[in-house]
Amino acid sequence: MSSEVAEDRAPVQKLEEQLENLEEENISYDQDDAAPLKEIIRKYGELNSRIRTLYSQIDNYIGPWTSDQKAQFEYYSSMKPKLKEERDQVIKTTVPNINKGLKKEHRLSVEK
């Protein structure tokens, strides 16, 4: 589970690092345009947190899963494809909107 989410999250993580660099360098960008990107970053963080919680609960656990463990797994199972679709949309529309206000050398890219 964790490795699948890490793979899906990788492009978003690259963009997150680039946003952080812009902020560290005091390069302004449209915060409203960046809101969907920041939201998908937050959602991937939440999903990772839930996966870690599930792993810690089932590590060395013998027996059927509890209702909470099942709920965590169901959340993961339902959110993973939704986040991937949302991620693709953010990359397709949000990143170009952010880039419109940036100089070429500061533009965001999943290729960096």
Protein backbone atom coordinates (compact mmCIF):
# COMPACT_ATOMS: atom_id res chain seq x y z
CA MET A 1 0.00 0.00 0.00
CA SER A 2 2.59 2.50 1.09
CA SER A 3 4.78 2.03 -1.97
CA GLU A 4 1.78 2.42 -4.28
CA VAL A 5 0.84 5.72 -2.68
CA ALA A 6 4.47 6.88 -2.73
CA GLU A 7 4.59 6.19 -6.47
CA ASP A 8 1.33 8.07 -7.07
CA ARG A 9 2.46 10.92 -4.81
CA ALA A 10 5.92 11.35 -6.41
CA PRO A 11 4.90 13.99 -9.00
CA VAL A 12 3.01 15.95 -6.34
CA GLN A 13 5.99 15.74 -4.02
CA LYS A 14 8.22 17.23 -6.72
CA LEU A 15 5.78 20.10 -7.14
CA GLU A 16 5.57 20.58 -3.38
CA GLU A 17 9.36 20.90 -3.17
CA GLN A 18 9.34 23.44 -6.00
CA LEU A 19 6.63 25.50 -4.24
CA GLU A 20 8.68 25.43 -1.06
CA ASN A 21 11.71 26.65 -3.02
CA LEU A 22 9.68 29.52 -4.43
CA GLU A 23 8.63 30.50 -0.93
CA GLU A 24 12.19 30.22 0.42
CA GLU A 25 13.40 32.45 -2.39
CA ASN A 26 10.53 34.91 -1.77
CA ILE A 27 9.24 34.44 -5.30
CA SER A 28 5.57 35.31 -5.35
CA TYR A 29 2.94 33.18 -7.05
CA ASP A 30 -0.83 33.23 -7.02
CA GLN A 31 -1.88 31.51 -3.79
CA ASP A 32 -5.43 31.04 -5.09
CA ASP A 33 -4.12 29.23 -8.17
CA ALA A 34 -1.95 27.06 -5.92
CA ALA A 35 -4.80 26.10 -3.56
CA PRO A 36 -5.79 22.89 -5.43
CA LEU A 37 -2.15 21.75 -5.47
CA LYS A 38 -1.79 22.42 -1.76
CA GLU A 39 -5.02 20.53 -1.13
CA ILE A 40 -3.87 17.42 -3.01
CA ILE A 41 -0.59 17.58 -1.08
CA ARG A 42 -2.60 17.64 2.16
CA LYS A 43 -4.78 14.74 1.02
CA TYR A 44 -1.78 12.57 0.17
CA GLY A 45 -0.37 13.37 3.60
CA GLU A 46 -3.64 12.26 5.21
CA LEU A 47 -3.67 9.03 3.21
CA ASN A 48 -0.08 8.27 4.21
CA SER A 49 -0.95 8.93 7.83
CA ARG A 50 -3.84 6.50 7.68
CA ILE A 51 -1.68 3.86 6.04
CA ARG A 52 0.94 4.24 8.79
CA THR A 53 -1.79 3.92 11.40
CA LEU A 54 -3.11 0.76 9.78
CA TYR A 55 0.38 -0.73 9.52
CA SER A 56 1.06 -0.05 13.18
CA GLN A 57 -2.26 -1.61 14.16
CA ILE A 58 -1.83 -4.81 12.17
CA ASP A 59 1.90 -5.32 12.73
CA ASN A 60 2.23 -8.64 14.55
CA TYR A 61 -1.57 -8.75 14.89
CA ILE A 62 -3.10 -12.20 14.78
CA GLY A 63 -6.79 -12.60 14.12
CA PRO A 64 -9.45 -10.90 12.05
CA TRP A 65 -9.19 -7.18 11.48
CA THR A 66 -11.13 -4.88 13.77
CA SER A 67 -13.84 -2.64 12.36
CA ASP A 68 -11.44 0.32 12.62
CA GLN A 69 -8.75 -1.54 10.69
CA LYS A 70 -11.30 -2.47 8.00
CA ALA A 71 -12.45 1.15 7.83
CA GLN A 72 -8.85 2.35 7.37
CA PHE A 73 -8.30 -0.15 4.56
CA GLU A 74 -11.60 0.79 2.90
CA TYR A 75 -10.62 4.46 3.10
CA TYR A 76 -7.30 3.67 1.43
CA SER A 77 -8.99 1.55 -1.23
CA SER A 78 -11.51 4.26 -2.07
CA MET A 79 -9.17 7.25 -1.88
CA LYS A 80 -6.22 5.95 -3.87
CA PRO A 81 -7.92 6.07 -7.30
CA LYS A 82 -9.74 9.31 -6.45
CA LEU A 83 -6.51 11.02 -5.46
CA LYS A 84 -4.74 9.78 -8.56
CA GLU A 85 -7.48 11.25 -10.74
CA GLU A 86 -7.44 14.51 -8.77
CA ARG A 87 -3.63 14.60 -8.99
CA ASP A 88 -3.76 14.26 -12.77
CA GLN A 89 -6.30 17.07 -13.00
CA VAL A 90 -4.17 19.33 -10.79
CA ILE A 91 -1.11 18.67 -12.93
CA LYS A 92 -3.10 19.33 -16.09
CA THR A 93 -4.85 22.54 -15.03
CA THR A 94 -3.49 23.98 -11.78
CA VAL A 95 0.21 23.84 -12.58
CA PRO A 96 -0.19 25.76 -15.87
CA ASN A 97 -2.26 28.38 -14.02
CA ILE A 98 0.48 28.82 -11.42
CA ASN A 99 3.14 28.94 -14.12
CA LYS A 100 1.39 31.79 -15.96
CA GLY A 101 2.56 34.16 -13.25
CA LEU A 102 6.11 32.85 -12.99
CA LYS A 103 9.24 33.54 -14.99
CA LYS A 104 10.35 30.62 -17.11
CA GLU A 105 13.20 29.64 -14.77
CA HIS A 106 10.81 29.43 -11.80
CA ARG A 107 8.00 27.46 -13.41
CA LEU A 108 6.80 24.27 -11.81
CA SER A 109 7.23 20.95 -13.54
CA VAL A 110 6.83 17.30 -12.64
CA GLU A 111 9.87 16.68 -14.86
CA LYS A 112 12.31 18.55 -12.58
